[in-house]
Amino acid sequence: MIKLVLLRHGESEYNKKNLFTGWIDVPLTQKGINESIDAGKTLKQKDYKFDIVLTSYLKRALSTNYYCLKEMDYLWLPVEKTWRLNEKHYGALQNLSKKETAKKYGEKQVLLWRRDYNTRPPALKITDKNHPKFEEKYKDVDSKLLPSTECLKDVVNRVTPYWNKTIKPLMKQGKKILISAHGNSLRAIVKIIDKIPDDEIIHLNIPTGIPLVYEFTDALEPIKHYYLADNKTIKKLEEKIKNEGKK
């Protein structure tokens, strides 16, 4: 049996303020740091071992990875960073309040921008200082691949090659993998694994700081998945995420 552990970063400053974050590179809150430490404690207590960590270029995921691995005494593990595991790019909505945006455009429209598979938020202008093409961290990425906005379908399309060329081969080699990433890049991975239909993925919410474990056969067919937390806690956190874009 092969296991893959997915971990959404702990609470960030923008999570706390209920702002659209996307590729804006914000730090964790103290709560987010504590969530990351708790994730490490849980994984250590349950005797999880890892060979490699895959993560994004964004500091909230990198910091989550750091605090989690520090707690596990695993800071020596190799870490591979890729822009393909970045959060969904929220375009011109980035830095805006989710509640204020819902008041302006309506909760239904904001839900589509946040969760719909095919609906992109308004695009960021190519000249905007927050466009990723101006960030040094993406200097080695083809500028044509850097988004001005994304829907979940776009995230799935950029994650899929990484799943096929990196994650699956590592799993086939028997590597124990921790993926420390973001709500939407992890939703993309879950969609790929579970073959979730486009019209159902809108209902999937992944809580921050709670390890999500997938078990596979040796042929990489998914057997089951579960959070390393009780159902009451998970439902409470999922409901909180669900209500973020309301007035």
Protein backbone atom coordinates (compact mmCIF):
# COMPACT_ATOMS: atom_id res chain seq x y z
CA MET A 1 0.00 0.00 0.00
CA ILE A 2 1.20 3.47 -0.92
CA LYS A 3 0.30 6.61 1.03
CA LEU A 4 0.31 10.23 -0.10
CA VAL A 5 -0.20 13.05 2.42
CA LEU A 6 -1.66 16.40 1.37
CA LEU A 7 -1.40 19.42 3.67
CA ARG A 8 -3.01 22.78 3.03
CA HIS A 9 -0.94 25.60 4.52
CA GLY A 10 -1.88 27.00 7.90
CA GLU A 11 -3.92 30.19 8.28
CA SER A 12 -2.31 33.11 6.43
CA GLU A 13 -2.66 36.84 7.11
CA TYR A 14 -5.11 37.07 4.19
CA ASN A 15 -7.11 34.06 5.43
CA LYS A 16 -7.52 35.88 8.72
CA LYS A 17 -8.61 39.10 6.99
CA ASN A 18 -10.82 37.15 4.53
CA LEU A 19 -9.09 38.62 1.48
CA PHE A 20 -8.54 37.04 -1.93
CA THR A 21 -4.94 35.86 -1.89
CA GLY A 22 -4.02 33.83 -4.96
CA TRP A 23 -0.36 34.41 -5.84
CA ILE A 24 0.06 37.32 -3.37
CA ASP A 25 2.89 36.10 -1.15
CA VAL A 26 1.64 36.58 2.41
CA PRO A 27 2.97 35.03 5.65
CA LEU A 28 1.27 32.76 8.14
CA THR A 29 -0.47 34.13 11.22
CA GLN A 30 0.54 32.80 14.62
CA LYS A 31 -2.52 30.56 14.39
CA GLY A 32 -1.22 29.31 11.03
CA ILE A 33 2.18 28.58 12.56
CA ASN A 34 0.48 26.68 15.39
CA GLU A 35 -1.61 24.72 12.87
CA SER A 36 1.57 23.75 11.03
CA ILE A 37 3.24 22.65 14.26
CA ASP A 38 0.14 20.66 15.22
CA ALA A 39 0.17 18.94 11.83
CA GLY A 40 3.77 17.92 12.46
CA LYS A 41 2.87 16.63 15.93
CA THR A 42 0.01 14.58 14.52
CA LEU A 43 2.12 13.07 11.76
CA LYS A 44 4.91 12.28 14.21
CA GLN A 45 2.55 10.71 16.74
CA LYS A 46 1.06 8.50 14.02
CA ASP A 47 4.58 7.54 12.89
CA TYR A 48 4.40 8.95 9.36
CA LYS A 49 7.70 8.92 7.49
CA PHE A 50 8.59 10.91 4.36
CA ASP A 51 11.30 10.80 1.72
CA ILE A 52 10.55 14.10 -0.02
CA VAL A 53 8.33 17.18 0.24
CA LEU A 54 6.72 18.85 -2.77
CA THR A 55 5.53 22.42 -2.34
CA SER A 56 4.86 25.75 -4.07
CA TYR A 57 6.89 28.96 -4.38
CA LEU A 58 4.63 30.78 -1.90
CA LYS A 59 5.88 31.45 1.62
CA ARG A 60 2.70 30.35 3.41
CA ALA A 61 3.19 26.83 2.03
CA LEU A 62 6.97 26.94 2.54
CA SER A 63 6.53 28.08 6.15
CA THR A 64 3.91 25.40 6.82
CA ASN A 65 6.35 22.86 5.47
CA TYR A 66 9.14 24.23 7.68
CA TYR A 67 7.20 24.21 10.97
CA CYS A 68 5.65 20.83 10.24
CA LEU A 69 8.99 19.20 9.39
CA LYS A 70 10.74 20.89 12.31
CA GLU A 71 8.25 19.33 14.67
CA MET A 72 8.89 15.95 13.04
CA ASP A 73 12.68 16.45 13.16
CA TYR A 74 12.63 16.16 9.37
CA LEU A 75 14.17 19.48 8.31
CA TRP A 76 16.85 17.50 6.48
CA LEU A 77 14.34 16.16 3.95
CA PRO A 78 14.75 17.23 0.31
CA VAL A 79 12.14 19.82 -0.71
CA GLU A 80 11.12 20.39 -4.32
CA LYS A 81 9.43 23.70 -5.12
CA THR A 82 7.29 24.29 -8.19
CA TRP A 83 5.00 27.07 -9.39
CA ARG A 84 2.62 24.34 -10.57
CA LEU A 85 1.54 23.81 -6.95
CA ASN A 86 0.82 27.53 -6.40
CA GLU A 87 -2.65 28.62 -5.37
CA LYS A 88 -5.20 29.52 -8.05
CA HIS A 89 -4.51 33.00 -9.42
CA TYR A 90 -7.47 35.20 -8.51
CA GLY A 91 -6.64 37.89 -11.04
CA ALA A 92 -7.89 41.41 -10.26
CA LEU A 93 -9.66 40.13 -7.13
CA GLN A 94 -6.35 39.60 -5.32
CA ASN A 95 -6.01 41.84 -2.23
CA LEU A 96 -9.78 42.49 -2.17
CA SER A 97 -12.17 41.62 0.66
CA LYS A 98 -14.32 38.56 -0.09
CA LYS A 99 -17.25 40.02 1.85
CA GLU A 100 -17.04 43.43 0.18
CA THR A 101 -16.74 41.75 -3.22
CA ALA A 102 -19.86 39.69 -2.42
CA LYS A 103 -21.76 42.89 -1.53
CA LYS A 104 -20.71 44.47 -4.83
CA TYR A 105 -21.19 41.54 -7.21
CA GLY A 106 -23.44 39.17 -5.25
CA GLU A 107 -22.67 35.96 -3.41
CA LYS A 108 -23.57 33.79 -6.41
CA GLN A 109 -20.99 35.50 -8.64
CA VAL A 110 -18.31 35.38 -5.95
CA LEU A 111 -18.99 31.67 -5.42
CA LEU A 112 -18.48 31.11 -9.14
CA TRP A 113 -15.18 33.03 -9.07
CA ARG A 114 -14.04 31.12 -5.99
CA ARG A 115 -15.20 27.59 -6.71
CA ASP A 116 -16.59 27.10 -10.21
CA TYR A 117 -14.56 24.86 -12.49
CA ASN A 118 -14.74 27.04 -15.61
CA THR A 119 -15.32 30.63 -14.42
CA ARG A 120 -12.23 32.86 -14.20
CA PRO A 121 -12.16 35.99 -12.01
CA PRO A 122 -11.49 39.30 -13.82
CA ALA A 123 -7.94 39.24 -15.16
CA LEU A 124 -5.04 41.17 -13.65
CA LYS A 125 -3.64 43.73 -16.06
CA ILE A 126 -0.38 42.58 -17.61
CA THR A 127 1.22 45.85 -16.44
CA ASP A 128 0.09 45.43 -12.82
CA LYS A 129 3.01 45.34 -10.38
CA ASN A 130 1.50 42.23 -8.79
CA HIS A 131 1.65 40.26 -12.04
CA PRO A 132 3.91 37.22 -11.54
CA LYS A 133 6.02 38.12 -14.57
CA PHE A 134 7.58 40.91 -12.44
CA GLU A 135 8.55 38.55 -9.59
CA GLU A 136 12.08 37.20 -9.39
CA LYS A 137 10.86 33.85 -8.05
CA TYR A 138 9.34 33.07 -11.47
CA LYS A 139 12.33 34.15 -13.56
CA ASP A 140 12.92 30.58 -14.75
CA VAL A 141 9.29 30.00 -15.73
CA ASP A 142 8.23 30.70 -19.30
CA SER A 143 6.38 34.03 -19.05
CA LYS A 144 3.71 32.66 -21.40
CA LEU A 145 2.76 30.16 -18.68
CA LEU A 146 2.36 32.76 -15.93
CA PRO A 147 -1.34 33.52 -15.40
CA SER A 148 -3.21 36.81 -15.14
CA THR A 149 -6.22 34.90 -13.75
CA GLU A 150 -7.28 31.28 -13.39
CA CYS A 151 -10.30 29.08 -12.91
CA LEU A 152 -9.96 25.65 -11.30
CA LYS A 153 -9.79 24.05 -14.75
CA ASP A 154 -6.62 26.10 -15.41
CA VAL A 155 -5.13 24.91 -12.11
CA VAL A 156 -5.93 21.29 -12.99
CA ASN A 157 -4.29 21.80 -16.38
CA ARG A 158 -1.05 23.06 -14.81
CA VAL A 159 -1.02 20.50 -11.99
CA THR A 160 -1.74 17.48 -14.23
CA PRO A 161 1.68 17.45 -15.98
CA TYR A 162 3.37 17.65 -12.58
CA TRP A 163 1.20 14.81 -11.29
CA ASN A 164 2.08 12.64 -14.28
CA LYS A 165 5.78 13.50 -14.63
CA THR A 166 6.83 13.95 -11.00
CA ILE A 167 4.35 12.77 -8.36
CA LYS A 168 3.26 9.46 -9.89
CA PRO A 169 6.83 8.36 -10.80
CA LEU A 170 7.97 9.12 -7.24
CA MET A 171 5.07 7.11 -5.85
CA LYS A 172 5.89 4.21 -8.18
CA GLN A 173 9.44 4.28 -6.80
CA GLY A 174 7.94 3.79 -3.34
CA LYS A 175 8.76 7.31 -2.15
CA LYS A 176 6.77 8.60 0.79
CA ILE A 177 5.56 12.07 -0.21
CA LEU A 178 4.21 15.07 1.67
CA ILE A 179 2.65 17.76 -0.52
CA SER A 180 2.44 21.12 1.27
CA ALA A 181 0.35 23.40 -0.93
CA HIS A 182 -2.88 25.38 -1.25
CA GLY A 183 -6.63 24.98 -1.25
CA ASN A 184 -7.06 24.97 -5.01
CA SER A 185 -3.88 23.20 -6.08
CA LEU A 186 -4.80 20.44 -3.61
CA ARG A 187 -8.37 20.42 -4.92
CA ALA A 188 -6.87 19.88 -8.35
CA ILE A 189 -4.89 16.89 -7.09
CA VAL A 190 -7.95 15.45 -5.34
CA LYS A 191 -9.97 15.90 -8.54
CA ILE A 192 -7.32 14.06 -10.53
CA ILE A 193 -7.08 11.21 -8.02
CA ASP A 194 -10.81 10.73 -7.41
CA LYS A 195 -11.94 11.72 -10.93
CA ILE A 196 -14.45 14.14 -9.42
CA PRO A 197 -16.86 15.55 -12.06
CA ASP A 198 -16.49 19.23 -12.95
CA ASP A 199 -19.90 20.12 -11.49
CA GLU A 200 -19.18 18.43 -8.15
CA ILE A 201 -15.73 19.84 -7.38
CA ILE A 202 -17.35 23.15 -6.40
CA HIS A 203 -18.49 21.51 -3.15
CA LEU A 204 -15.03 20.37 -2.04
CA ASN A 205 -13.41 22.42 0.74
CA ILE A 206 -10.02 21.50 2.22
CA PRO A 207 -9.29 22.83 5.73
CA THR A 208 -5.99 24.50 6.63
CA GLY A 209 -3.40 22.62 8.64
CA ILE A 210 -5.09 19.17 8.70
CA PRO A 211 -3.20 16.32 6.96
CA LEU A 212 -5.29 14.55 4.30
CA VAL A 213 -4.10 11.01 3.65
CA TYR A 214 -4.68 9.02 0.45
CA GLU A 215 -4.02 5.29 0.28
CA PHE A 216 -3.30 3.58 -3.05
CA THR A 217 -2.73 0.11 -4.39
CA ASP A 218 0.68 -0.69 -5.89
CA ALA A 219 -0.92 0.13 -9.26
CA LEU A 220 -1.72 3.62 -7.89
CA GLU A 221 -5.46 3.03 -7.77
CA PRO A 222 -6.96 5.01 -4.86
CA ILE A 223 -8.30 2.85 -2.02
CA LYS A 224 -9.52 5.44 0.49
CA HIS A 225 -8.74 8.83 1.95
CA TYR A 226 -9.18 10.44 5.36
CA TYR A 227 -8.16 13.45 7.46
CA LEU A 228 -6.02 13.02 10.55
CA ALA A 229 -8.69 14.73 12.66
CA ASP A 230 -12.18 13.91 13.95
CA ASN A 231 -15.22 14.43 11.73
CA LYS A 232 -16.69 17.17 13.94
CA THR A 233 -13.56 19.30 13.56
CA ILE A 234 -13.43 18.75 9.79
CA LYS A 235 -17.10 19.66 9.27
CA LYS A 236 -16.68 22.85 11.32
CA LEU A 237 -13.64 23.92 9.30
CA GLU A 238 -15.31 23.05 5.98
CA GLU A 239 -18.35 25.15 6.92
CA LYS A 240 -16.10 28.08 7.77
CA ILE A 241 -14.46 27.92 4.31
CA LYS A 242 -17.87 27.62 2.66
CA ASN A 243 -19.04 30.87 4.27
CA GLU A 244 -15.95 32.97 3.41
CA GLY A 245 -17.46 34.56 0.32
CA LYS A 246 -20.76 35.63 1.91
CA LYS A 247 -21.84 39.18 2.73
